[in-house]
N, C-alpha and C. Protein backbone atom coordinates (compact mmCIF):
# COMPACT_ATOMS: atom_id res chain seq x y z
N MET A 1 18.67 -54.12 25.93
CA MET A 1 18.94 -55.71 25.73
C MET A 1 18.54 -56.44 27.04
N SER A 2 17.81 -57.47 26.75
CA SER A 2 17.44 -58.31 27.81
C SER A 2 18.46 -59.12 28.53
N ASP A 3 18.35 -59.44 29.80
CA ASP A 3 19.28 -60.18 30.65
C ASP A 3 19.32 -61.69 30.09
N HIS A 4 18.31 -62.04 29.26
CA HIS A 4 18.29 -63.44 28.89
C HIS A 4 18.22 -63.44 27.20
N PRO A 5 18.79 -64.56 26.72
CA PRO A 5 18.88 -64.72 25.16
C PRO A 5 17.68 -65.33 24.68
N TYR A 6 16.41 -65.03 25.25
CA TYR A 6 15.22 -65.66 24.62
C TYR A 6 14.18 -64.62 24.89
N SER A 7 13.06 -64.77 24.20
CA SER A 7 11.91 -64.04 24.38
C SER A 7 11.07 -64.44 25.54
N GLN A 8 10.59 -63.44 26.31
CA GLN A 8 9.84 -63.83 27.51
C GLN A 8 8.37 -64.31 27.02
N ALA A 9 8.06 -63.79 25.79
CA ALA A 9 6.73 -64.04 25.19
C ALA A 9 7.03 -63.92 23.70
N TYR A 10 6.33 -64.73 22.92
CA TYR A 10 6.50 -64.74 21.63
C TYR A 10 5.16 -65.03 20.96
N HIS A 11 4.83 -64.45 19.89
CA HIS A 11 3.58 -64.84 19.16
C HIS A 11 3.90 -65.17 17.77
N ALA A 12 3.20 -66.34 17.37
CA ALA A 12 3.37 -66.80 15.94
C ALA A 12 1.92 -67.09 15.37
N GLY A 13 1.54 -66.23 14.45
CA GLY A 13 0.19 -66.33 14.07
C GLY A 13 -0.64 -66.01 15.21
N GLU A 14 -1.70 -66.95 15.46
CA GLU A 14 -2.59 -66.68 16.46
C GLU A 14 -2.13 -67.28 17.87
N PHE A 15 -1.10 -67.97 17.81
CA PHE A 15 -0.58 -68.53 19.02
C PHE A 15 0.41 -67.57 19.68
N GLY A 16 0.47 -67.72 21.12
CA GLY A 16 1.32 -67.04 21.98
C GLY A 16 2.22 -68.10 22.79
N PHE A 17 3.35 -67.96 22.96
CA PHE A 17 4.23 -68.93 23.77
C PHE A 17 4.95 -68.10 24.79
N VAL A 18 4.65 -68.55 26.12
CA VAL A 18 5.25 -67.67 27.24
C VAL A 18 6.28 -68.47 27.86
N SER A 19 7.53 -67.93 28.02
CA SER A 19 8.61 -68.62 28.75
C SER A 19 8.13 -68.61 30.26
N GLY A 20 8.75 -69.53 30.89
CA GLY A 20 8.42 -69.69 32.33
C GLY A 20 8.38 -68.34 33.24
N ALA A 21 7.30 -68.15 33.89
CA ALA A 21 7.20 -66.94 34.77
C ALA A 21 7.44 -67.36 36.18
N LEU A 22 8.52 -66.95 36.75
CA LEU A 22 8.81 -67.22 38.13
C LEU A 22 8.00 -66.65 39.28
N SER A 23 7.91 -67.29 40.41
CA SER A 23 7.34 -66.70 41.59
C SER A 23 8.23 -65.73 42.19
N VAL A 24 8.45 -64.67 41.54
CA VAL A 24 9.24 -63.52 42.15
C VAL A 24 8.39 -62.34 42.08
N ASP A 25 8.91 -61.25 42.86
CA ASP A 25 8.17 -59.94 42.90
C ASP A 25 8.49 -59.21 41.69
N PRO A 26 7.99 -58.17 41.38
CA PRO A 26 8.41 -57.25 40.25
C PRO A 26 9.87 -56.88 40.17
N GLY A 27 10.42 -56.87 41.24
CA GLY A 27 11.93 -56.61 41.43
C GLY A 27 12.87 -57.79 41.24
N GLY A 28 12.20 -58.99 41.12
CA GLY A 28 13.03 -60.23 40.76
C GLY A 28 13.37 -60.95 42.00
N LEU A 29 12.77 -60.72 43.30
CA LEU A 29 13.04 -61.25 44.44
C LEU A 29 11.95 -62.41 44.63
N ALA A 30 12.59 -63.61 45.07
CA ALA A 30 11.60 -64.84 45.21
C ALA A 30 10.53 -64.46 46.41
N VAL A 31 9.44 -64.83 46.09
CA VAL A 31 8.25 -64.53 46.99
C VAL A 31 8.05 -65.80 47.88
N PRO A 32 8.13 -65.56 49.19
CA PRO A 32 8.01 -66.71 50.10
C PRO A 32 6.63 -67.08 50.30
N GLY A 33 6.42 -68.44 50.67
CA GLY A 33 4.98 -68.81 51.05
C GLY A 33 4.31 -69.44 49.61
N GLU A 34 3.54 -70.52 50.01
CA GLU A 34 2.93 -71.32 48.96
C GLU A 34 1.96 -70.39 48.01
N LEU A 35 0.86 -69.96 48.67
CA LEU A 35 -0.05 -69.31 47.87
C LEU A 35 0.43 -67.86 47.37
N PRO A 36 1.12 -67.23 48.06
CA PRO A 36 1.76 -65.90 47.56
C PRO A 36 2.73 -66.28 46.38
N ALA A 37 3.47 -67.34 46.28
CA ALA A 37 4.35 -67.69 45.23
C ALA A 37 3.56 -68.16 43.99
N LEU A 38 2.41 -68.94 44.18
CA LEU A 38 1.44 -69.18 43.11
C LEU A 38 0.88 -67.93 42.40
N ARG A 39 0.54 -66.93 43.15
CA ARG A 39 -0.03 -65.65 42.82
C ARG A 39 1.02 -64.76 42.17
N ALA A 40 2.19 -64.90 42.74
CA ALA A 40 3.20 -63.98 42.03
C ALA A 40 3.72 -64.71 40.62
N ALA A 41 3.71 -65.94 40.49
CA ALA A 41 4.03 -66.57 39.20
C ALA A 41 2.91 -66.32 38.29
N MET A 42 1.78 -66.29 38.60
CA MET A 42 0.62 -66.07 37.75
C MET A 42 0.62 -64.54 37.30
N ALA A 43 0.97 -63.62 38.28
CA ALA A 43 1.18 -62.24 37.92
C ALA A 43 2.26 -62.00 36.93
N ARG A 44 3.36 -62.62 37.16
CA ARG A 44 4.45 -62.43 36.12
C ARG A 44 3.94 -63.04 34.75
N LEU A 45 3.21 -64.16 34.78
CA LEU A 45 2.54 -64.71 33.46
C LEU A 45 1.74 -63.81 32.81
N GLU A 46 0.79 -63.07 33.56
CA GLU A 46 -0.02 -62.11 33.06
C GLU A 46 0.67 -60.92 32.39
N GLU A 47 1.75 -60.46 33.08
CA GLU A 47 2.64 -59.46 32.48
C GLU A 47 3.18 -59.82 31.16
N ARG A 48 3.79 -61.03 31.06
CA ARG A 48 4.26 -61.52 29.74
C ARG A 48 3.14 -61.70 28.75
N LEU A 49 2.07 -62.17 29.07
CA LEU A 49 0.96 -62.19 28.01
C LEU A 49 0.57 -60.88 27.42
N ARG A 50 0.59 -59.87 28.39
CA ARG A 50 0.31 -58.42 27.88
C ARG A 50 1.32 -57.98 26.81
N THR A 51 2.55 -58.29 26.90
CA THR A 51 3.49 -57.89 26.02
C THR A 51 3.30 -58.37 24.54
N ILE A 52 2.36 -59.38 24.35
CA ILE A 52 1.97 -60.03 23.02
C ILE A 52 0.51 -59.65 22.87
N ASP A 53 -0.17 -58.74 23.68
CA ASP A 53 -1.51 -58.41 23.59
C ASP A 53 -2.55 -59.61 23.83
N MET A 54 -2.20 -60.42 24.63
CA MET A 54 -2.92 -61.53 25.09
C MET A 54 -3.27 -61.42 26.71
N THR A 55 -4.18 -62.27 27.10
CA THR A 55 -4.51 -62.30 28.48
C THR A 55 -4.72 -63.77 28.93
N LEU A 56 -4.89 -63.89 30.17
CA LEU A 56 -5.12 -65.33 30.89
C LEU A 56 -6.26 -66.06 30.08
N ALA A 57 -7.34 -65.24 29.55
CA ALA A 57 -8.39 -65.96 28.87
C ALA A 57 -8.02 -66.53 27.52
N ASP A 58 -6.84 -66.22 26.99
CA ASP A 58 -6.26 -66.74 25.76
C ASP A 58 -5.51 -68.02 25.99
N VAL A 59 -5.20 -68.26 27.34
CA VAL A 59 -4.31 -69.54 27.64
C VAL A 59 -5.07 -70.73 27.40
N VAL A 60 -4.44 -71.74 26.70
CA VAL A 60 -5.03 -73.08 26.29
C VAL A 60 -4.20 -74.16 27.04
N LYS A 61 -2.93 -74.00 27.53
CA LYS A 61 -2.18 -74.87 28.13
C LYS A 61 -1.15 -74.25 29.14
N THR A 62 -0.86 -74.82 30.05
CA THR A 62 0.13 -74.33 31.07
C THR A 62 0.95 -75.57 31.54
N THR A 63 2.32 -75.23 31.89
CA THR A 63 3.02 -76.28 32.62
C THR A 63 3.59 -75.48 33.84
N TYR A 64 3.38 -76.15 34.90
CA TYR A 64 3.95 -75.70 36.40
C TYR A 64 5.20 -76.60 36.61
N PHE A 65 6.25 -75.93 37.00
CA PHE A 65 7.40 -76.44 37.60
C PHE A 65 7.46 -76.05 39.10
N VAL A 66 7.51 -76.92 39.97
CA VAL A 66 7.54 -76.63 41.37
C VAL A 66 8.55 -77.39 42.07
N THR A 67 9.02 -76.71 43.16
CA THR A 67 10.14 -77.50 43.84
C THR A 67 9.49 -78.29 45.03
N ASN A 68 8.26 -78.33 45.20
CA ASN A 68 7.45 -79.18 46.15
C ASN A 68 6.23 -79.71 45.60
N ILE A 69 6.27 -80.96 45.12
CA ILE A 69 5.12 -81.66 44.51
C ILE A 69 3.81 -81.58 45.44
N ALA A 70 4.06 -81.38 46.75
CA ALA A 70 2.89 -81.40 47.60
C ALA A 70 2.07 -79.97 47.37
N LEU A 71 2.59 -79.19 46.60
CA LEU A 71 1.95 -77.78 46.18
C LEU A 71 0.78 -78.11 45.39
N ARG A 72 0.59 -79.26 44.82
CA ARG A 72 -0.27 -79.47 43.79
C ARG A 72 -1.87 -79.23 44.20
N ASP A 73 -2.36 -79.53 45.39
CA ASP A 73 -3.68 -79.17 45.82
C ASP A 73 -3.97 -77.90 45.90
N LEU A 74 -3.07 -77.06 46.55
CA LEU A 74 -3.27 -75.62 46.52
C LEU A 74 -3.19 -74.98 45.09
N ALA A 75 -2.29 -75.47 44.32
CA ALA A 75 -2.23 -75.15 42.88
C ALA A 75 -3.66 -75.29 42.16
N ASN A 76 -4.20 -76.37 42.45
CA ASN A 76 -5.39 -76.81 41.84
C ASN A 76 -6.50 -75.82 42.26
N GLU A 77 -6.54 -75.36 43.59
CA GLU A 77 -7.59 -74.43 44.05
C GLU A 77 -7.25 -73.19 43.45
N HIS A 78 -5.93 -72.76 43.28
CA HIS A 78 -5.64 -71.49 42.72
C HIS A 78 -6.10 -71.43 41.22
N TYR A 79 -5.84 -72.41 40.44
CA TYR A 79 -6.09 -72.62 39.03
C TYR A 79 -7.68 -72.43 38.91
N ALA A 80 -8.50 -73.04 39.73
CA ALA A 80 -9.81 -72.87 39.63
C ALA A 80 -10.33 -71.47 39.86
N GLU A 81 -9.68 -70.69 40.60
CA GLU A 81 -10.00 -69.24 40.95
C GLU A 81 -9.58 -68.32 39.84
N VAL A 82 -8.47 -68.78 39.18
CA VAL A 82 -7.83 -67.85 38.06
C VAL A 82 -8.46 -68.14 36.63
N PHE A 83 -8.78 -69.41 36.34
CA PHE A 83 -9.30 -69.59 35.00
C PHE A 83 -10.65 -70.11 35.06
N ALA A 84 -11.47 -69.56 34.01
CA ALA A 84 -12.92 -69.99 33.93
C ALA A 84 -12.86 -71.39 33.15
N GLU A 85 -13.95 -72.10 33.32
CA GLU A 85 -14.23 -73.23 32.56
C GLU A 85 -14.61 -72.98 31.16
N PRO A 86 -14.15 -73.70 30.21
CA PRO A 86 -13.29 -74.81 30.40
C PRO A 86 -11.85 -74.39 30.62
N ARG A 87 -11.30 -75.01 31.72
CA ARG A 87 -10.00 -74.35 32.17
C ARG A 87 -8.80 -74.97 31.04
N PRO A 88 -7.75 -74.32 30.98
CA PRO A 88 -6.69 -74.79 30.14
C PRO A 88 -6.11 -76.15 30.60
N ALA A 89 -5.65 -76.84 29.62
CA ALA A 89 -4.92 -78.00 29.97
C ALA A 89 -3.60 -77.74 30.76
N ARG A 90 -3.14 -78.57 31.68
CA ARG A 90 -2.07 -78.34 32.53
C ARG A 90 -1.26 -79.52 32.81
N SER A 91 0.08 -79.34 32.92
CA SER A 91 1.18 -80.34 33.30
C SER A 91 1.69 -79.77 34.63
N PHE A 92 2.13 -80.64 35.58
CA PHE A 92 2.45 -80.27 36.77
C PHE A 92 3.74 -81.15 37.15
N VAL A 93 5.04 -80.34 37.25
CA VAL A 93 6.19 -81.21 37.21
C VAL A 93 7.03 -80.72 38.48
N ALA A 94 7.58 -81.72 39.18
CA ALA A 94 8.46 -81.38 40.19
C ALA A 94 9.87 -81.30 39.63
N VAL A 95 10.58 -80.27 40.27
CA VAL A 95 11.94 -79.99 39.87
C VAL A 95 12.83 -79.76 41.03
N SER A 96 14.06 -80.04 40.97
CA SER A 96 14.96 -79.90 42.21
C SER A 96 15.19 -78.38 42.59
N SER A 97 15.15 -77.53 41.71
CA SER A 97 15.34 -76.12 42.07
C SER A 97 14.98 -75.20 40.88
N LEU A 98 14.80 -73.92 41.11
CA LEU A 98 14.44 -73.06 39.99
C LEU A 98 15.28 -71.79 40.14
N PRO A 99 15.59 -70.99 39.15
CA PRO A 99 16.41 -69.81 39.28
C PRO A 99 15.75 -68.79 40.34
N TYR A 100 16.71 -68.05 40.75
CA TYR A 100 16.45 -66.94 41.82
C TYR A 100 15.79 -67.29 43.13
N GLY A 101 15.91 -68.65 43.39
CA GLY A 101 15.31 -69.21 44.55
C GLY A 101 13.83 -69.23 44.51
N ALA A 102 13.23 -69.16 43.37
CA ALA A 102 11.75 -69.30 43.22
C ALA A 102 11.28 -70.77 43.41
N ASN A 103 9.95 -70.90 43.90
CA ASN A 103 9.59 -72.28 44.05
C ASN A 103 8.46 -72.66 43.04
N VAL A 104 8.13 -71.77 42.23
CA VAL A 104 7.01 -71.94 41.24
C VAL A 104 7.52 -71.21 39.92
N GLU A 105 7.38 -71.92 38.81
CA GLU A 105 7.61 -71.38 37.60
C GLU A 105 6.30 -71.83 36.61
N ILE A 106 5.73 -71.00 35.93
CA ILE A 106 4.64 -71.25 35.03
C ILE A 106 4.88 -70.88 33.66
N GLU A 107 4.87 -71.76 32.70
CA GLU A 107 5.02 -71.44 31.24
C GLU A 107 3.53 -71.71 30.60
N ALA A 108 3.27 -71.06 29.39
CA ALA A 108 1.94 -71.20 28.91
C ALA A 108 2.14 -71.11 27.36
N ILE A 109 0.99 -71.67 26.70
CA ILE A 109 0.70 -71.53 25.36
C ILE A 109 -0.66 -70.83 25.29
N ALA A 110 -0.92 -69.75 24.48
CA ALA A 110 -2.09 -69.14 24.35
C ALA A 110 -2.60 -69.15 22.88
N TYR A 111 -3.72 -68.90 22.77
CA TYR A 111 -4.35 -68.94 21.30
C TYR A 111 -5.36 -67.76 21.36
N ARG A 112 -5.19 -66.91 20.36
CA ARG A 112 -6.12 -65.76 20.03
C ARG A 112 -7.26 -66.28 19.23
N ARG A 113 -8.41 -66.37 19.74
CA ARG A 113 -9.48 -66.82 18.89
C ARG A 113 -9.78 -65.72 17.94
N PRO A 114 -10.19 -66.15 16.81
CA PRO A 114 -10.71 -65.16 15.83
C PRO A 114 -11.98 -64.35 16.35
N SER A 115 -11.95 -63.24 15.90
CA SER A 115 -13.14 -62.34 16.30
C SER A 115 -14.28 -62.81 15.55
N ALA A 116 -15.57 -62.72 16.25
CA ALA A 116 -16.78 -63.02 15.43
C ALA A 116 -17.13 -61.95 14.56
N SER A 117 -17.44 -62.22 13.44
CA SER A 117 -17.90 -61.16 12.50
C SER A 117 -19.42 -61.15 12.30
N ILE A 118 -19.97 -60.15 12.04
CA ILE A 118 -21.44 -60.17 11.75
C ILE A 118 -21.62 -59.87 10.26
């Protein structure tokens, strides 16, 4: 049984919905530093996508929750490194705090494109 009463990732038809992935290490401890935190949150997001047989290439929309809005420029640079064009849509929201002392949380919507048939 999970520690939380929700699915970390859920698929419905060709869509995948990923609950917020925090900037924590695999053991659940908050990752310090701005770029390391962004990378950690993205790594947790990738892990959750894999549980529904999806990858970052399937992501069509993300929402970032951050405790410091000044992180936006660095997050933009990181986004450009992680996602190929055309990049997913994104919202960027400042919040007062996040669970476990994290400073970044990323949630996503993914879409599994139908396979091309010959």
